[in-house]
Amino acid sequence: MFACAVERGIDFCGECKEYPCNDLKKFQSAMPHRIELWGNLERIKSAGYKQWLKEIRENYTCPRCQAINSAYDLKCRKCGAEPSCSYVAEHKQEIKQFLNSKNV
């Protein structure tokens, strides 16, 4: 996606006149951590990437210990809290299905 954006002279896919293209749709559907891709791109467009980055960090931060976790950390990697963050709380089923399909 980065090379495509550079080639088109844009910073984010949401700025493209072909948004959302088939490549981006395929990319989004491949893994659970991309579930919120469309909303994220719209948020970047409306609020700017600095505000979006602040919000996304909060979305992956453990409410108990403030550690930043990945979309696949069902438990906080630092304190063991479940769920590890608000993203996991919202998308736990999709994440579990993905992890089970990969035998993780």
C-alpha atoms as a PDB file:
ATOM      1  CA  MET A   1       0.000   0.000   0.000  1.00  0.00           C
ATOM      2  CA  PHE A   2       2.855   2.376   0.802  1.00  0.00           C
ATOM      3  CA  ALA A   3       4.352   2.158  -2.684  1.00  0.00           C
ATOM      4  CA  CYS A   4       0.953   2.735  -4.238  1.00  0.00           C
ATOM      5  CA  ALA A   5       0.342   5.823  -2.078  1.00  0.00           C
ATOM      6  CA  VAL A   6       3.776   7.237  -2.945  1.00  0.00           C
ATOM      7  CA  GLU A   7       3.181   6.590  -6.639  1.00  0.00           C
ATOM      8  CA  ARG A   8      -0.117   8.485  -6.443  1.00  0.00           C
ATOM      9  CA  GLY A   9       1.317  11.330  -4.361  1.00  0.00           C
ATOM     10  CA  ILE A  10      -0.945  10.757  -1.343  1.00  0.00           C
ATOM     11  CA  ASP A  11      -0.305  10.007   2.335  1.00  0.00           C
ATOM     12  CA  PHE A  12      -3.182   7.597   3.079  1.00  0.00           C
ATOM     13  CA  CYS A  13      -5.418   5.330   1.016  1.00  0.00           C
ATOM     14  CA  GLY A  14      -8.481   7.326   2.077  1.00  0.00           C
ATOM     15  CA  GLU A  15      -7.197  10.239  -0.007  1.00  0.00           C
ATOM     16  CA  CYS A  16      -7.261   8.209  -3.233  1.00  0.00           C
ATOM     17  CA  LYS A  17     -10.007   8.683  -5.810  1.00  0.00           C
ATOM     18  CA  GLU A  18     -10.113   4.870  -6.223  1.00  0.00           C
ATOM     19  CA  TYR A  19     -10.633   4.261  -2.474  1.00  0.00           C
ATOM     20  CA  PRO A  20     -11.429   1.551  -1.523  1.00  0.00           C
ATOM     21  CA  CYS A  21      -9.690  -0.446  -4.232  1.00  0.00           C
ATOM     22  CA  ASN A  22      -9.778  -4.237  -4.554  1.00  0.00           C
ATOM     23  CA  ASP A  23      -6.224  -4.557  -3.189  1.00  0.00           C
ATOM     24  CA  LEU A  24      -7.219  -2.706  -0.032  1.00  0.00           C
ATOM     25  CA  LYS A  25     -10.413  -4.765   0.365  1.00  0.00           C
ATOM     26  CA  LYS A  26      -8.415  -7.991   0.101  1.00  0.00           C
ATOM     27  CA  PHE A  27      -5.825  -6.687   2.576  1.00  0.00           C
ATOM     28  CA  GLN A  28      -8.529  -5.679   5.088  1.00  0.00           C
ATOM     29  CA  SER A  29     -10.307  -9.029   5.062  1.00  0.00           C
ATOM     30  CA  ALA A  30      -7.186 -11.147   5.598  1.00  0.00           C
ATOM     31  CA  MET A  31      -6.616 -10.663   9.365  1.00  0.00           C
ATOM     32  CA  PRO A  32      -8.577  -9.596  12.463  1.00  0.00           C
ATOM     33  CA  HIS A  33      -6.332  -6.677  13.348  1.00  0.00           C
ATOM     34  CA  ARG A  34      -7.550  -5.030  10.156  1.00  0.00           C
ATOM     35  CA  ILE A  35     -11.261  -5.161  11.096  1.00  0.00           C
ATOM     36  CA  GLU A  36     -11.332  -1.446  11.835  1.00  0.00           C
ATOM     37  CA  LEU A  37      -9.366  -0.403   8.723  1.00  0.00           C
ATOM     38  CA  TRP A  38     -12.215   1.496   7.055  1.00  0.00           C
ATOM     39  CA  GLY A  39     -13.080   3.401  10.216  1.00  0.00           C
ATOM     40  CA  ASN A  40      -9.407   4.143  10.871  1.00  0.00           C
ATOM     41  CA  LEU A  41      -8.893   5.583   7.404  1.00  0.00           C
ATOM     42  CA  GLU A  42     -11.999   7.754   7.781  1.00  0.00           C
ATOM     43  CA  ARG A  43     -10.813   8.907  11.221  1.00  0.00           C
ATOM     44  CA  ILE A  44      -7.373   9.845   9.850  1.00  0.00           C
ATOM     45  CA  LYS A  45      -9.089  11.805   7.111  1.00  0.00           C
ATOM     46  CA  SER A  46     -11.376  13.689   9.519  1.00  0.00           C
ATOM     47  CA  ALA A  47      -9.137  14.153  12.584  1.00  0.00           C
ATOM     48  CA  GLY A  48      -5.628  13.891  11.175  1.00  0.00           C
ATOM     49  CA  TYR A  49      -3.100  11.160  11.756  1.00  0.00           C
ATOM     50  CA  LYS A  50      -1.715  12.624  15.023  1.00  0.00           C
ATOM     51  CA  GLN A  51      -5.125  12.536  16.739  1.00  0.00           C
ATOM     52  CA  TRP A  52      -5.868   9.107  15.261  1.00  0.00           C
ATOM     53  CA  LEU A  53      -2.528   7.765  16.541  1.00  0.00           C
ATOM     54  CA  LYS A  54      -3.311   9.041  20.042  1.00  0.00           C
ATOM     55  CA  GLU A  55      -6.700   7.335  19.946  1.00  0.00           C
ATOM     56  CA  ILE A  56      -5.364   4.070  18.534  1.00  0.00           C
ATOM     57  CA  ARG A  57      -2.703   3.875  21.250  1.00  0.00           C
ATOM     58  CA  GLU A  58      -5.477   4.204  23.836  1.00  0.00           C
ATOM     59  CA  ASN A  59      -7.403   1.441  22.045  1.00  0.00           C
ATOM     60  CA  TYR A  60      -4.503  -0.994  22.548  1.00  0.00           C
ATOM     61  CA  THR A  61      -3.551   0.091  26.089  1.00  0.00           C
ATOM     62  CA  CYS A  62      -4.297  -2.156  29.068  1.00  0.00           C
ATOM     63  CA  PRO A  63      -6.781  -0.409  31.360  1.00  0.00           C
ATOM     64  CA  ARG A  64      -5.074  -1.902  34.427  1.00  0.00           C
ATOM     65  CA  CYS A  65      -1.338  -1.343  33.872  1.00  0.00           C
ATOM     66  CA  GLN A  66      -1.203   0.916  30.781  1.00  0.00           C
ATOM     67  CA  ALA A  67       0.967  -1.519  28.756  1.00  0.00           C
ATOM     68  CA  ILE A  68       0.436  -1.402  25.011  1.00  0.00           C
ATOM     69  CA  ASN A  69      -0.704  -4.769  23.658  1.00  0.00           C
ATOM     70  CA  SER A  70      -1.188  -6.197  20.187  1.00  0.00           C
ATOM     71  CA  ALA A  71      -4.528  -7.075  18.632  1.00  0.00           C
ATOM     72  CA  TYR A  72      -3.694 -10.730  19.300  1.00  0.00           C
ATOM     73  CA  ASP A  73      -2.876 -10.432  23.019  1.00  0.00           C
ATOM     74  CA  LEU A  74      -6.023 -11.827  24.629  1.00  0.00           C
ATOM     75  CA  LYS A  75      -4.321 -11.239  28.003  1.00  0.00           C
ATOM     76  CA  CYS A  76      -2.162  -8.231  28.794  1.00  0.00           C
ATOM     77  CA  ARG A  77       1.457  -9.111  28.130  1.00  0.00           C
ATOM     78  CA  LYS A  78       2.539  -7.248  31.282  1.00  0.00           C
ATOM     79  CA  CYS A  79      -0.081  -7.828  33.995  1.00  0.00           C
ATOM     80  CA  GLY A  80      -2.256 -10.640  32.572  1.00  0.00           C
ATOM     81  CA  ALA A  81      -5.505  -8.633  32.601  1.00  0.00           C
ATOM     82  CA  GLU A  82      -8.302  -9.940  30.378  1.00  0.00           C
ATOM     83  CA  PRO A  83      -9.059  -8.527  27.941  1.00  0.00           C
ATOM     84  CA  SER A  84      -5.727  -6.908  27.242  1.00  0.00           C
ATOM     85  CA  CYS A  85      -7.265  -3.744  25.768  1.00  0.00           C
ATOM     86  CA  SER A  86     -10.487  -2.298  24.398  1.00  0.00           C
ATOM     87  CA  TYR A  87      -9.735  -3.543  20.863  1.00  0.00           C
ATOM     88  CA  VAL A  88      -9.538  -7.145  22.075  1.00  0.00           C
ATOM     89  CA  ALA A  89     -12.685  -6.670  24.166  1.00  0.00           C
ATOM     90  CA  GLU A  90     -14.579  -5.567  21.076  1.00  0.00           C
ATOM     91  CA  HIS A  91     -13.204  -8.142  18.616  1.00  0.00           C
ATOM     92  CA  LYS A  92     -12.428 -11.139  20.832  1.00  0.00           C
ATOM     93  CA  GLN A  93     -14.479 -13.646  18.818  1.00  0.00           C
ATOM     94  CA  GLU A  94     -12.858 -12.770  15.481  1.00  0.00           C
ATOM     95  CA  ILE A  95      -9.400 -12.869  17.049  1.00  0.00           C
ATOM     96  CA  LYS A  96     -10.019 -16.257  18.675  1.00  0.00           C
ATOM     97  CA  GLN A  97     -11.325 -17.698  15.399  1.00  0.00           C
ATOM     98  CA  PHE A  98      -8.248 -16.471  13.569  1.00  0.00           C
ATOM     99  CA  LEU A  99      -5.835 -17.807  16.203  1.00  0.00           C
ATOM    100  CA  ASN A 100      -7.633 -21.180  16.255  1.00  0.00           C
ATOM    101  CA  SER A 101      -7.431 -21.429  12.460  1.00  0.00           C
ATOM    102  CA  LYS A 102      -3.655 -20.886  12.690  1.00  0.00           C
ATOM    103  CA  ASN A 103      -3.302 -23.305  15.641  1.00  0.00           C
ATOM    104  CA  VAL A 104      -1.719 -20.565  17.751  1.00  0.00           C
END
